[in-house]
Amino acid sequence: MLAHVAFLAALKTSREIEGEMLWVSHASLALGGVALLLGSVRLVRIAFASVFVLHAIWLVDCVAGLATGSFPFGLTEYVASADWQTLAGTSHHVYLVPLLWVFLRRAPAQPRVTTASVVLCALVFVGLLTLAGRWLVPMRLNVNLAHALMPESTASAFIWFNALPAPAYLVVHLAFVLTGALIPGALIAPRNGTAPMRTTSTHSTRPARARTPHRAAFTLIELIAVIVVLAILSGVALPRYFDYSERAKQSAAEGSVAGIRTALHNAFLDHRLSGAPASAWITSVNQIPSVMESGELPSGMKIVGARIEDQQGNRFNLVAETADTPARLTVVVSGGGS
């Protein structure tokens, strides 16, 4: 399972979609592998409860789609035309839940763990992954549906859901996660036993004292394991997020500068065609907003003294318009340097 996680990380990195490692399916695979390595029944329960419903829906959609050509949920259409690497990467949807289930059925009786505690842990785990997906991963990947649920759907319920403000959307999203976790939580929690009663020798006159059942807390190693899994998966996605963010800022800045240059060129043509006097020519940065279609500088651009500054801290001087050439911007300081 951990080797599968490593394969997925390499595959996603090669395709520049590292953010998909934060999918609850991949995170549960990693958590399940660590849990089996540690022999931790508690962590296996969390992984099982977190991924059970998702994988059940995936399997139904995949089997129905391959059998009939129509994918009812539209989640697995990629399988029909996927290459072998993608098929190998997605194979955990088939084996993960059964493997965890077999482990849980064969595991020795443990101190009582209630359905509520299993569901709560799964909710926290999926909730953290969803929040990380919203903050760290580009919107186009929509990891864990952190931004939209079936965005292409025209159903009124989905349209309403996707139109909610981010806080409300996430709350409703986690309510669905809670509902989904109740089923596997109920399946596995009753399996656990209680601590046996202590018996006494027939020669003893002291009455036997029953051991009261106790609830086992998470060990430090188990907590560290969960934190490490989340940290590693987030660490894989984070560098690409900053790369996307930086490239987005650069593209926005380049688009803004290009827009100003186009406006200056159009103003030059208008002045020549209309025979405008030299007093109307563009000779100062303060005149630039007047030639923009919106009447103001592009978003993120501002006037600093006698210069223009963009979103990345690049500063530009204005070369004044002449009878033969339009006004133009020239870079003076790049990236906010001095």
C-alpha atoms as a PDB file:
ATOM      1  CA  MET A   1       0.000   0.000   0.000  1.00  0.00           C
ATOM      2  CA  LEU A   2       2.795   2.418   0.821  1.00  0.00           C
ATOM      3  CA  ALA A   3       4.554   1.422  -2.410  1.00  0.00           C
ATOM      4  CA  HIS A   4       1.309   2.253  -4.208  1.00  0.00           C
ATOM      5  CA  VAL A   5       1.293   5.677  -2.552  1.00  0.00           C
ATOM      6  CA  ALA A   6       4.865   6.258  -3.766  1.00  0.00           C
ATOM      7  CA  PHE A   7       3.852   5.223  -7.295  1.00  0.00           C
ATOM      8  CA  LEU A   8       0.891   7.615  -7.206  1.00  0.00           C
ATOM      9  CA  ALA A   9       3.093  10.478  -5.995  1.00  0.00           C
ATOM     10  CA  ALA A  10       5.570   9.877  -8.826  1.00  0.00           C
ATOM     11  CA  LEU A  11       2.765   9.614 -11.386  1.00  0.00           C
ATOM     12  CA  LYS A  12       1.003  12.787 -10.221  1.00  0.00           C
ATOM     13  CA  THR A  13       4.285  14.692 -10.095  1.00  0.00           C
ATOM     14  CA  SER A  14       5.217  13.671 -13.641  1.00  0.00           C
ATOM     15  CA  ARG A  15       1.835  14.962 -14.824  1.00  0.00           C
ATOM     16  CA  GLU A  16       2.062  18.156 -12.737  1.00  0.00           C
ATOM     17  CA  ILE A  17      -1.063  17.356 -10.725  1.00  0.00           C
ATOM     18  CA  GLU A  18       0.570  16.752  -7.340  1.00  0.00           C
ATOM     19  CA  GLY A  19      -2.428  18.346  -5.647  1.00  0.00           C
ATOM     20  CA  GLU A  20      -4.446  15.204  -6.355  1.00  0.00           C
ATOM     21  CA  MET A  21      -2.422  13.403  -3.687  1.00  0.00           C
ATOM     22  CA  LEU A  22      -4.730  15.143  -1.186  1.00  0.00           C
ATOM     23  CA  TRP A  23      -7.724  13.157  -2.411  1.00  0.00           C
ATOM     24  CA  VAL A  24      -9.206  11.314   0.581  1.00  0.00           C
ATOM     25  CA  SER A  25      -8.842   8.106  -1.424  1.00  0.00           C
ATOM     26  CA  HIS A  26      -5.074   8.547  -1.673  1.00  0.00           C
ATOM     27  CA  ALA A  27      -4.735   9.814   1.893  1.00  0.00           C
ATOM     28  CA  SER A  28      -6.697   6.824   3.218  1.00  0.00           C
ATOM     29  CA  LEU A  29      -4.421   4.508   1.237  1.00  0.00           C
ATOM     30  CA  ALA A  30      -1.400   6.108   2.911  1.00  0.00           C
ATOM     31  CA  LEU A  31      -3.013   6.083   6.350  1.00  0.00           C
ATOM     32  CA  GLY A  32      -4.100   2.464   5.915  1.00  0.00           C
ATOM     33  CA  GLY A  33      -0.574   1.437   4.925  1.00  0.00           C
ATOM     34  CA  VAL A  34       0.923   3.161   7.965  1.00  0.00           C
ATOM     35  CA  ALA A  35      -1.786   1.687  10.202  1.00  0.00           C
ATOM     36  CA  LEU A  36      -1.095  -1.861   9.022  1.00  0.00           C
ATOM     37  CA  LEU A  37       2.623  -1.276   9.464  1.00  0.00           C
ATOM     38  CA  LEU A  38       2.003  -0.206  13.059  1.00  0.00           C
ATOM     39  CA  GLY A  39      -0.670  -2.844  13.625  1.00  0.00           C
ATOM     40  CA  SER A  40      -3.025  -0.058  14.741  1.00  0.00           C
ATOM     41  CA  VAL A  41      -6.677  -1.117  14.600  1.00  0.00           C
ATOM     42  CA  ARG A  42      -7.777   2.415  15.492  1.00  0.00           C
ATOM     43  CA  LEU A  43      -6.083   3.998  12.472  1.00  0.00           C
ATOM     44  CA  VAL A  44      -7.406   1.260  10.181  1.00  0.00           C
ATOM     45  CA  ARG A  45     -10.917   2.123  11.382  1.00  0.00           C
ATOM     46  CA  ILE A  46     -10.394   5.782  10.475  1.00  0.00           C
ATOM     47  CA  ALA A  47      -9.087   4.919   7.011  1.00  0.00           C
ATOM     48  CA  PHE A  48     -11.960   2.466   6.439  1.00  0.00           C
ATOM     49  CA  ALA A  49     -14.678   4.873   7.581  1.00  0.00           C
ATOM     50  CA  SER A  50     -13.181   7.749   5.575  1.00  0.00           C
ATOM     51  CA  VAL A  51     -13.065   5.950   2.248  1.00  0.00           C
ATOM     52  CA  PHE A  52     -15.838   3.325   2.371  1.00  0.00           C
ATOM     53  CA  VAL A  53     -18.677   5.328   0.777  1.00  0.00           C
ATOM     54  CA  LEU A  54     -16.414   7.041  -1.769  1.00  0.00           C
ATOM     55  CA  HIS A  55     -15.039   3.723  -3.008  1.00  0.00           C
ATOM     56  CA  ALA A  56     -18.477   2.122  -3.033  1.00  0.00           C
ATOM     57  CA  ILE A  57     -19.769   4.918  -5.286  1.00  0.00           C
ATOM     58  CA  TRP A  58     -16.642   4.646  -7.451  1.00  0.00           C
ATOM     59  CA  LEU A  59     -17.121   0.899  -7.939  1.00  0.00           C
ATOM     60  CA  VAL A  60     -20.825   1.201  -8.776  1.00  0.00           C
ATOM     61  CA  ASP A  61     -20.105   3.954 -11.289  1.00  0.00           C
ATOM     62  CA  CYS A  62     -17.190   2.061 -12.845  1.00  0.00           C
ATOM     63  CA  VAL A  63     -18.963  -1.306 -13.153  1.00  0.00           C
ATOM     64  CA  ALA A  64     -22.142   0.270 -14.516  1.00  0.00           C
ATOM     65  CA  GLY A  65     -20.198   2.405 -16.967  1.00  0.00           C
ATOM     66  CA  LEU A  66     -18.050  -0.421 -18.325  1.00  0.00           C
ATOM     67  CA  ALA A  67     -21.087  -2.706 -18.582  1.00  0.00           C
ATOM     68  CA  THR A  68     -23.535  -0.280 -20.176  1.00  0.00           C
ATOM     69  CA  GLY A  69     -21.385   2.557 -21.528  1.00  0.00           C
ATOM     70  CA  SER A  70     -23.227   5.047 -19.296  1.00  0.00           C
ATOM     71  CA  PHE A  71     -21.554   6.199 -16.080  1.00  0.00           C
ATOM     72  CA  PRO A  72     -24.370   7.138 -13.644  1.00  0.00           C
ATOM     73  CA  PHE A  73     -22.237   9.404 -11.437  1.00  0.00           C
ATOM     74  CA  GLY A  74     -19.737  10.519 -14.076  1.00  0.00           C
ATOM     75  CA  LEU A  75     -16.817   9.823 -11.735  1.00  0.00           C
ATOM     76  CA  THR A  76     -15.023   7.039 -13.608  1.00  0.00           C
ATOM     77  CA  GLU A  77     -15.397   7.889 -17.283  1.00  0.00           C
ATOM     78  CA  TYR A  78     -11.624   8.200 -17.487  1.00  0.00           C
ATOM     79  CA  VAL A  79     -11.274   4.432 -16.942  1.00  0.00           C
ATOM     80  CA  ALA A  80     -12.665   3.632 -20.390  1.00  0.00           C
ATOM     81  CA  SER A  81      -9.734   5.308 -22.153  1.00  0.00           C
ATOM     82  CA  ALA A  82      -7.045   5.369 -19.439  1.00  0.00           C
ATOM     83  CA  ASP A  83      -3.445   4.255 -20.023  1.00  0.00           C
ATOM     84  CA  TRP A  84      -1.886   1.501 -17.942  1.00  0.00           C
ATOM     85  CA  GLN A  85      -0.248   3.929 -15.490  1.00  0.00           C
ATOM     86  CA  THR A  86      -3.599   5.510 -14.679  1.00  0.00           C
ATOM     87  CA  LEU A  87      -5.270   2.124 -14.304  1.00  0.00           C
ATOM     88  CA  ALA A  88      -2.483   0.919 -12.027  1.00  0.00           C
ATOM     89  CA  GLY A  89      -2.711   4.096  -9.976  1.00  0.00           C
ATOM     90  CA  THR A  90      -6.468   3.871  -9.560  1.00  0.00           C
ATOM     91  CA  SER A  91      -6.522   0.157  -8.665  1.00  0.00           C
ATOM     92  CA  HIS A  92      -6.659   0.944  -4.939  1.00  0.00           C
ATOM     93  CA  HIS A  93     -10.345   1.779  -5.444  1.00  0.00           C
ATOM     94  CA  VAL A  94     -10.845  -1.951  -5.890  1.00  0.00           C
ATOM     95  CA  TYR A  95      -8.708  -3.497  -3.167  1.00  0.00           C
ATOM     96  CA  LEU A  96      -8.353  -0.934  -0.344  1.00  0.00           C
ATOM     97  CA  VAL A  97     -11.736  -1.295   1.381  1.00  0.00           C
ATOM     98  CA  PRO A  98     -11.785  -5.129   1.215  1.00  0.00           C
ATOM     99  CA  LEU A  99      -8.228  -5.292   2.550  1.00  0.00           C
ATOM    100  CA  LEU A 100      -9.005  -3.021   5.500  1.00  0.00           C
ATOM    101  CA  TRP A 101     -12.218  -4.932   6.154  1.00  0.00           C
ATOM    102  CA  VAL A 102     -10.397  -8.273   6.304  1.00  0.00           C
ATOM    103  CA  PHE A 103      -7.879  -6.825   8.746  1.00  0.00           C
ATOM    104  CA  LEU A 104     -10.627  -5.459  10.986  1.00  0.00           C
ATOM    105  CA  ARG A 105     -12.545  -8.750  10.995  1.00  0.00           C
ATOM    106  CA  ARG A 106      -9.432 -10.727  11.906  1.00  0.00           C
ATOM    107  CA  ALA A 107      -8.051  -8.277  14.446  1.00  0.00           C
ATOM    108  CA  PRO A 108      -8.293  -9.347  18.090  1.00  0.00           C
ATOM    109  CA  ALA A 109     -10.906  -7.763  20.301  1.00  0.00           C
ATOM    110  CA  GLN A 110      -9.992  -4.255  21.385  1.00  0.00           C
ATOM    111  CA  PRO A 111     -11.172  -1.952  24.168  1.00  0.00           C
ATOM    112  CA  ARG A 112     -14.554  -0.526  23.309  1.00  0.00           C
ATOM    113  CA  VAL A 113     -14.604   2.111  20.586  1.00  0.00           C
ATOM    114  CA  THR A 114     -18.002   3.587  19.858  1.00  0.00           C
ATOM    115  CA  THR A 115     -19.487   4.290  16.451  1.00  0.00           C
ATOM    116  CA  ALA A 116     -19.510   7.985  17.355  1.00  0.00           C
ATOM    117  CA  SER A 117     -15.754   8.072  17.972  1.00  0.00           C
ATOM    118  CA  VAL A 118     -14.994   6.292  14.671  1.00  0.00           C
ATOM    119  CA  VAL A 119     -17.251   8.650  12.739  1.00  0.00           C
ATOM    120  CA  LEU A 120     -15.859  11.730  14.469  1.00  0.00           C
ATOM    121  CA  CYS A 121     -12.259  10.760  13.684  1.00  0.00           C
ATOM    122  CA  ALA A 122     -13.145  10.087  10.047  1.00  0.00           C
ATOM    123  CA  LEU A 123     -14.930  13.446   9.845  1.00  0.00           C
ATOM    124  CA  VAL A 124     -11.892  15.296  11.214  1.00  0.00           C
ATOM    125  CA  PHE A 125      -9.556  13.440   8.853  1.00  0.00           C
ATOM    126  CA  VAL A 126     -11.642  14.140   5.724  1.00  0.00           C
ATOM    127  CA  GLY A 127     -12.344  17.679   6.909  1.00  0.00           C
ATOM    128  CA  LEU A 128      -8.643  18.510   7.184  1.00  0.00           C
ATOM    129  CA  LEU A 129      -8.023  17.053   3.734  1.00  0.00           C
ATOM    130  CA  THR A 130     -10.886  19.096   2.270  1.00  0.00           C
ATOM    131  CA  LEU A 131      -9.633  22.328   3.810  1.00  0.00           C
ATOM    132  CA  ALA A 132      -6.102  21.585   2.583  1.00  0.00           C
ATOM    133  CA  GLY A 133      -7.537  20.925  -0.873  1.00  0.00           C
ATOM    134  CA  ARG A 134      -9.288  24.280  -0.893  1.00  0.00           C
ATOM    135  CA  TRP A 135      -6.280  26.249   0.360  1.00  0.00           C
ATOM    136  CA  LEU A 136      -3.384  24.461  -1.319  1.00  0.00           C
ATOM    137  CA  VAL A 137      -4.665  23.032  -4.596  1.00  0.00           C
ATOM    138  CA  PRO A 138      -5.734  24.860  -7.794  1.00  0.00           C
ATOM    139  CA  MET A 139      -9.480  25.160  -8.220  1.00  0.00           C
ATOM    140  CA  ARG A 140      -9.439  23.296 -11.535  1.00  0.00           C
ATOM    141  CA  LEU A 141      -8.461  20.051  -9.745  1.00  0.00           C
ATOM    142  CA  ASN A 142     -11.337  20.425  -7.236  1.00  0.00           C
ATOM    143  CA  VAL A 143      -9.734  17.907  -4.878  1.00  0.00           C
ATOM    144  CA  ASN A 144     -12.256  16.317  -2.483  1.00  0.00           C
ATOM    145  CA  LEU A 145     -14.890  18.528  -4.135  1.00  0.00           C
ATOM    146  CA  ALA A 146     -13.570  21.350  -1.978  1.00  0.00           C
ATOM    147  CA  HIS A 147     -14.745  23.990  -4.476  1.00  0.00           C
ATOM    148  CA  ALA A 148     -17.801  22.502  -6.184  1.00  0.00           C
ATOM    149  CA  LEU A 149     -19.912  19.347  -6.302  1.00  0.00           C
ATOM    150  CA  MET A 150     -20.633  18.177  -9.864  1.00  0.00           C
ATOM    151  CA  PRO A 151     -20.052  21.704 -11.258  1.00  0.00           C
ATOM    152  CA  GLU A 152     -21.313  20.734 -14.722  1.00  0.00           C
ATOM    153  CA  SER A 153     -24.689  19.556 -13.360  1.00  0.00           C
ATOM    154  CA  THR A 154     -27.829  21.567 -14.136  1.00  0.00           C
ATOM    155  CA  ALA A 155     -29.770  20.091 -11.207  1.00  0.00           C
ATOM    156  CA  SER A 156     -31.189  22.811  -8.982  1.00  0.00           C
ATOM    157  CA  ALA A 157     -29.790  21.180  -5.815  1.00  0.00           C
ATOM    158  CA  PHE A 158     -26.228  21.214  -7.161  1.00  0.00           C
ATOM    159  CA  ILE A 159     -26.576  24.756  -8.497  1.00  0.00           C
ATOM    160  CA  TRP A 160     -27.788  25.908  -5.076  1.00  0.00           C
ATOM    161  CA  PHE A 161     -25.033  24.012  -3.282  1.00  0.00           C
ATOM    162  CA  ASN A 162     -22.237  25.358  -5.493  1.00  0.00           C
ATOM    163  CA  ALA A 163     -23.505  28.922  -5.164  1.00  0.00           C
ATOM    164  CA  LEU A 164     -23.112  28.897  -1.374  1.00  0.00           C
ATOM    165  CA  PRO A 165     -20.380  31.100   0.177  1.00  0.00           C
ATOM    166  CA  ALA A 166     -17.224  29.147   0.973  1.00  0.00           C
ATOM    167  CA  PRO A 167     -17.881  28.721   4.758  1.00  0.00           C
ATOM    168  CA  ALA A 168     -21.454  27.493   4.218  1.00  0.00           C
ATOM    169  CA  TYR A 169     -20.381  25.250   1.342  1.00  0.00           C
ATOM    170  CA  LEU A 170     -17.754  23.553   3.502  1.00  0.00           C
ATOM    171  CA  VAL A 171     -20.173  23.058   6.399  1.00  0.00           C
ATOM    172  CA  VAL A 172     -22.753  21.385   4.162  1.00  0.00           C
ATOM    173  CA  HIS A 173     -19.967  19.402   2.499  1.00  0.00           C
ATOM    174  CA  LEU A 174     -18.816  18.036   5.871  1.00  0.00           C
ATOM    175  CA  ALA A 175     -22.420  17.213   6.785  1.00  0.00           C
ATOM    176  CA  PHE A 176     -22.486  14.890   3.772  1.00  0.00           C
ATOM    177  CA  VAL A 177     -19.168  13.408   4.874  1.00  0.00           C
ATOM    178  CA  LEU A 178     -20.609  12.807   8.353  1.00  0.00           C
ATOM    179  CA  THR A 179     -23.640  11.036   6.903  1.00  0.00           C
ATOM    180  CA  GLY A 180     -21.434   8.878   4.700  1.00  0.00           C
ATOM    181  CA  ALA A 181     -19.155   7.907   7.591  1.00  0.00           C
ATOM    182  CA  LEU A 182     -22.070   6.638   9.700  1.00  0.00           C
ATOM    183  CA  ILE A 183     -22.439   3.501   7.569  1.00  0.00           C
ATOM    184  CA  PRO A 184     -18.883   2.155   7.834  1.00  0.00           C
ATOM    185  CA  GLY A 185     -18.688   3.421  11.407  1.00  0.00           C
ATOM    186  CA  ALA A 186     -21.685   1.285  12.330  1.00  0.00           C
ATOM    187  CA  LEU A 187     -20.251  -1.694  10.455  1.00  0.00           C
ATOM    188  CA  ILE A 188     -16.940  -1.833  12.279  1.00  0.00           C
ATOM    189  CA  ALA A 189     -17.485  -0.317  15.738  1.00  0.00           C
ATOM    190  CA  PRO A 190     -19.681  -3.130  17.175  1.00  0.00           C
ATOM    191  CA  ARG A 191     -16.939  -5.646  16.343  1.00  0.00           C
ATOM    192  CA  ASN A 192     -14.900  -4.531  19.332  1.00  0.00           C
ATOM    193  CA  GLY A 193     -15.096  -6.373  22.610  1.00  0.00           C
ATOM    194  CA  THR A 194     -14.665  -5.335  26.184  1.00  0.00           C
ATOM    195  CA  ALA A 195     -12.002  -6.249  28.649  1.00  0.00           C
ATOM    196  CA  PRO A 196     -12.640  -9.599  30.363  1.00  0.00           C
ATOM    197  CA  MET A 197     -13.757  -9.938  33.972  1.00  0.00           C
ATOM    198  CA  ARG A 198     -11.136 -11.001  36.480  1.00  0.00           C
ATOM    199  CA  THR A 199     -11.772 -14.346  38.103  1.00  0.00           C
ATOM    200  CA  THR A 200     -10.622 -15.413  41.566  1.00  0.00           C
ATOM    201  CA  SER A 201      -9.294 -18.637  42.968  1.00  0.00           C
ATOM    202  CA  THR A 202     -11.688 -20.958  44.801  1.00  0.00           C
ATOM    203  CA  HIS A 203      -9.451 -20.678  47.828  1.00  0.00           C
ATOM    204  CA  SER A 204      -9.775 -16.929  48.080  1.00  0.00           C
ATOM    205  CA  THR A 205     -12.379 -15.376  50.328  1.00  0.00           C
ATOM    206  CA  ARG A 206     -11.985 -11.901  48.805  1.00  0.00           C
ATOM    207  CA  PRO A 207     -14.873 -11.071  46.454  1.00  0.00           C
ATOM    208  CA  ALA A 208     -14.002 -10.653  42.810  1.00  0.00           C
ATOM    209  CA  ARG A 209     -13.919  -7.100  41.525  1.00  0.00           C
ATOM    210  CA  ALA A 210     -15.013  -6.542  37.984  1.00  0.00           C
ATOM    211  CA  ARG A 211     -12.833  -4.605  35.662  1.00  0.00           C
ATOM    212  CA  THR A 212     -14.702  -1.717  34.232  1.00  0.00           C
ATOM    213  CA  PRO A 213     -14.404  -1.287  30.492  1.00  0.00           C
ATOM    214  CA  HIS A 214     -12.093   1.531  29.528  1.00  0.00           C
ATOM    215  CA  ARG A 215     -11.747   3.461  26.364  1.00  0.00           C
ATOM    216  CA  ALA A 216      -8.345   3.333  24.760  1.00  0.00           C
ATOM    217  CA  ALA A 217      -6.936   6.684  23.768  1.00  0.00           C
ATOM    218  CA  PHE A 218      -4.792   7.190  20.720  1.00  0.00           C
ATOM    219  CA  THR A 219      -1.142   6.518  21.355  1.00  0.00           C
ATOM    220  CA  LEU A 220       1.464   9.143  20.604  1.00  0.00           C
ATOM    221  CA  ILE A 221       2.779   7.027  17.729  1.00  0.00           C
ATOM    222  CA  GLU A 222      -0.698   6.852  16.156  1.00  0.00           C
ATOM    223  CA  LEU A 223      -1.197  10.609  16.415  1.00  0.00           C
ATOM    224  CA  ILE A 224       2.246  11.237  14.956  1.00  0.00           C
ATOM    225  CA  ALA A 225       1.444   8.805  12.126  1.00  0.00           C
ATOM    226  CA  VAL A 226      -1.692  10.733  11.157  1.00  0.00           C
ATOM    227  CA  ILE A 227       0.138  14.066  11.306  1.00  0.00           C
ATOM    228  CA  VAL A 228       2.998  12.705   9.205  1.00  0.00           C
ATOM    229  CA  VAL A 229       0.609  11.357   6.545  1.00  0.00           C
ATOM    230  CA  LEU A 230      -1.186  14.712   6.279  1.00  0.00           C
ATOM    231  CA  ALA A 231       2.103  16.630   6.276  1.00  0.00           C
ATOM    232  CA  ILE A 232       3.660  14.494   3.535  1.00  0.00           C
ATOM    233  CA  LEU A 233       0.608  14.697   1.289  1.00  0.00           C
ATOM    234  CA  SER A 234       0.315  18.449   1.832  1.00  0.00           C
ATOM    235  CA  GLY A 235       4.053  18.824   1.234  1.00  0.00           C
ATOM    236  CA  VAL A 236       3.702  17.123  -2.135  1.00  0.00           C
ATOM    237  CA  ALA A 237       0.917  19.508  -3.158  1.00  0.00           C
ATOM    238  CA  LEU A 238       2.299  22.721  -1.647  1.00  0.00           C
ATOM    239  CA  PRO A 239       5.235  23.466  -4.000  1.00  0.00           C
ATOM    240  CA  ARG A 240       2.972  23.180  -7.024  1.00  0.00           C
ATOM    241  CA  TYR A 241       0.462  25.518  -5.365  1.00  0.00           C
ATOM    242  CA  PHE A 242       3.088  28.226  -4.957  1.00  0.00           C
ATOM    243  CA  ASP A 243       4.165  27.623  -8.547  1.00  0.00           C
ATOM    244  CA  TYR A 244       0.571  28.074  -9.761  1.00  0.00           C
ATOM    245  CA  SER A 245       0.157  31.159  -7.602  1.00  0.00           C
ATOM    246  CA  GLU A 246       3.352  32.758  -8.858  1.00  0.00           C
ATOM    247  CA  ARG A 247       2.565  31.982 -12.481  1.00  0.00           C
ATOM    248  CA  ALA A 248      -0.938  33.374 -12.069  1.00  0.00           C
ATOM    249  CA  LYS A 249       0.459  36.646 -10.704  1.00  0.00           C
ATOM    250  CA  GLN A 250       2.994  36.828 -13.511  1.00  0.00           C
ATOM    251  CA  SER A 251       0.328  36.206 -16.164  1.00  0.00           C
ATOM    252  CA  ALA A 252      -1.927  38.844 -14.611  1.00  0.00           C
ATOM    253  CA  ALA A 253       0.900  41.370 -14.532  1.00  0.00           C
ATOM    254  CA  GLU A 254       1.873  40.680 -18.142  1.00  0.00           C
ATOM    255  CA  GLY A 255      -1.759  40.988 -19.224  1.00  0.00           C
ATOM    256  CA  SER A 256      -2.134  44.314 -17.425  1.00  0.00           C
ATOM    257  CA  VAL A 257       1.011  45.779 -18.998  1.00  0.00           C
ATOM    258  CA  ALA A 258      -0.074  44.528 -22.426  1.00  0.00           C
ATOM    259  CA  GLY A 259      -3.456  46.190 -21.937  1.00  0.00           C
ATOM    260  CA  ILE A 260      -1.823  49.537 -21.124  1.00  0.00           C
ATOM    261  CA  ARG A 261       0.484  49.305 -24.123  1.00  0.00           C
ATOM    262  CA  THR A 262      -2.456  48.568 -26.427  1.00  0.00           C
ATOM    263  CA  ALA A 263      -4.360  51.544 -25.015  1.00  0.00           C
ATOM    264  CA  LEU A 264      -1.357  53.837 -25.535  1.00  0.00           C
ATOM    265  CA  HIS A 265      -0.992  52.653 -29.123  1.00  0.00           C
ATOM    266  CA  ASN A 266      -4.712  53.208 -29.810  1.00  0.00           C
ATOM    267  CA  ALA A 267      -4.504  56.693 -28.267  1.00  0.00           C
ATOM    268  CA  PHE A 268      -1.575  57.514 -30.580  1.00  0.00           C
ATOM    269  CA  LEU A 269      -3.597  56.476 -33.652  1.00  0.00           C
ATOM    270  CA  ASP A 270      -6.597  58.509 -32.490  1.00  0.00           C
ATOM    271  CA  HIS A 271      -4.412  61.570 -31.964  1.00  0.00           C
ATOM    272  CA  ARG A 272      -2.836  61.304 -35.423  1.00  0.00           C
ATOM    273  CA  LEU A 273      -6.152  60.706 -37.181  1.00  0.00           C
ATOM    274  CA  SER A 274      -7.922  63.528 -35.366  1.00  0.00           C
ATOM    275  CA  GLY A 275      -5.007  65.951 -35.565  1.00  0.00           C
ATOM    276  CA  ALA A 276      -4.953  66.411 -31.800  1.00  0.00           C
ATOM    277  CA  PRO A 277      -2.568  69.124 -30.554  1.00  0.00           C
ATOM    278  CA  ALA A 278       0.602  68.194 -28.657  1.00  0.00           C
ATOM    279  CA  SER A 279      -1.046  69.231 -25.395  1.00  0.00           C
ATOM    280  CA  ALA A 280      -3.389  66.229 -25.732  1.00  0.00           C
ATOM    281  CA  TRP A 281      -0.609  63.699 -26.239  1.00  0.00           C
ATOM    282  CA  ILE A 282       0.243  61.177 -23.505  1.00  0.00           C
ATOM    283  CA  THR A 283       3.289  62.510 -21.688  1.00  0.00           C
ATOM    284  CA  SER A 284       2.582  61.525 -18.049  1.00  0.00           C
ATOM    285  CA  VAL A 285       1.589  58.332 -16.229  1.00  0.00           C
ATOM    286  CA  ASN A 286      -1.323  60.240 -14.709  1.00  0.00           C
ATOM    287  CA  GLN A 287      -2.887  60.428 -18.183  1.00  0.00           C
ATOM    288  CA  ILE A 288      -2.865  56.650 -18.697  1.00  0.00           C
ATOM    289  CA  PRO A 289      -6.213  55.943 -16.911  1.00  0.00           C
ATOM    290  CA  SER A 290      -7.939  58.366 -19.313  1.00  0.00           C
ATOM    291  CA  VAL A 291      -7.045  56.234 -22.344  1.00  0.00           C
ATOM    292  CA  MET A 292      -8.068  52.925 -20.755  1.00  0.00           C
ATOM    293  CA  GLU A 293     -11.458  51.561 -21.776  1.00  0.00           C
ATOM    294  CA  SER A 294     -12.531  51.287 -18.138  1.00  0.00           C
ATOM    295  CA  GLY A 295     -11.256  54.759 -17.291  1.00  0.00           C
ATOM    296  CA  GLU A 296      -8.859  53.353 -14.705  1.00  0.00           C
ATOM    297  CA  LEU A 297      -5.701  51.277 -14.462  1.00  0.00           C
ATOM    298  CA  PRO A 298      -6.001  47.455 -14.661  1.00  0.00           C
ATOM    299  CA  SER A 299      -6.504  45.647 -11.361  1.00  0.00           C
ATOM    300  CA  GLY A 300      -3.269  45.384  -9.393  1.00  0.00           C
ATOM    301  CA  MET A 301      -1.576  48.261 -11.222  1.00  0.00           C
ATOM    302  CA  LYS A 302      -0.939  51.539  -9.459  1.00  0.00           C
ATOM    303  CA  ILE A 303       0.809  54.858  -9.929  1.00  0.00           C
ATOM    304  CA  VAL A 304       3.804  55.391  -7.662  1.00  0.00           C
ATOM    305  CA  GLY A 305       5.272  58.849  -8.127  1.00  0.00           C
ATOM    306  CA  ALA A 306       6.049  59.203 -11.830  1.00  0.00           C
ATOM    307  CA  ARG A 307       5.989  55.442 -12.439  1.00  0.00           C
ATOM    308  CA  ILE A 308       3.592  52.516 -12.848  1.00  0.00           C
ATOM    309  CA  GLU A 309       3.942  49.493 -10.568  1.00  0.00           C
ATOM    310  CA  ASP A 310       2.405  46.050 -11.214  1.00  0.00           C
ATOM    311  CA  GLN A 311       1.345  43.140  -8.952  1.00  0.00           C
ATOM    312  CA  GLN A 312       4.868  41.700  -8.782  1.00  0.00           C
ATOM    313  CA  GLY A 313       6.600  44.929  -7.855  1.00  0.00           C
ATOM    314  CA  ASN A 314       7.871  45.653 -11.372  1.00  0.00           C
ATOM    315  CA  ARG A 315       8.055  49.406 -12.035  1.00  0.00           C
ATOM    316  CA  PHE A 316       7.775  51.128 -15.385  1.00  0.00           C
ATOM    317  CA  ASN A 317       8.655  54.551 -16.697  1.00  0.00           C
ATOM    318  CA  LEU A 318       6.538  56.210 -19.354  1.00  0.00           C
ATOM    319  CA  VAL A 319       8.310  57.350 -22.517  1.00  0.00           C
ATOM    320  CA  ALA A 320       6.224  60.294 -23.740  1.00  0.00           C
ATOM    321  CA  GLU A 321       4.274  60.250 -26.984  1.00  0.00           C
ATOM    322  CA  THR A 322       5.790  62.100 -29.947  1.00  0.00           C
ATOM    323  CA  ALA A 323       4.550  62.977 -33.398  1.00  0.00           C
ATOM    324  CA  ASP A 324       6.040  59.725 -34.745  1.00  0.00           C
ATOM    325  CA  THR A 325       5.803  57.222 -31.884  1.00  0.00           C
ATOM    326  CA  PRO A 326       3.175  56.296 -29.299  1.00  0.00           C
ATOM    327  CA  ALA A 327       3.831  56.560 -25.591  1.00  0.00           C
ATOM    328  CA  ARG A 328       5.280  53.349 -24.196  1.00  0.00           C
ATOM    329  CA  LEU A 329       6.274  51.695 -20.928  1.00  0.00           C
ATOM    330  CA  THR A 330       9.853  50.665 -20.156  1.00  0.00           C
ATOM    331  CA  VAL A 331      10.896  48.520 -17.183  1.00  0.00           C
ATOM    332  CA  VAL A 332      12.897  50.424 -14.593  1.00  0.00           C
ATOM    333  CA  VAL A 333      12.859  48.091 -11.592  1.00  0.00           C
ATOM    334  CA  SER A 334      12.111  44.372 -11.876  1.00  0.00           C
ATOM    335  CA  GLY A 335      10.456  42.467  -9.044  1.00  0.00           C
ATOM    336  CA  GLY A 336      10.494  45.341  -6.613  1.00  0.00           C
ATOM    337  CA  GLY A 337      14.296  45.518  -6.459  1.00  0.00           C
ATOM    338  CA  SER A 338      16.233  48.743  -6.087  1.00  0.00           C
END
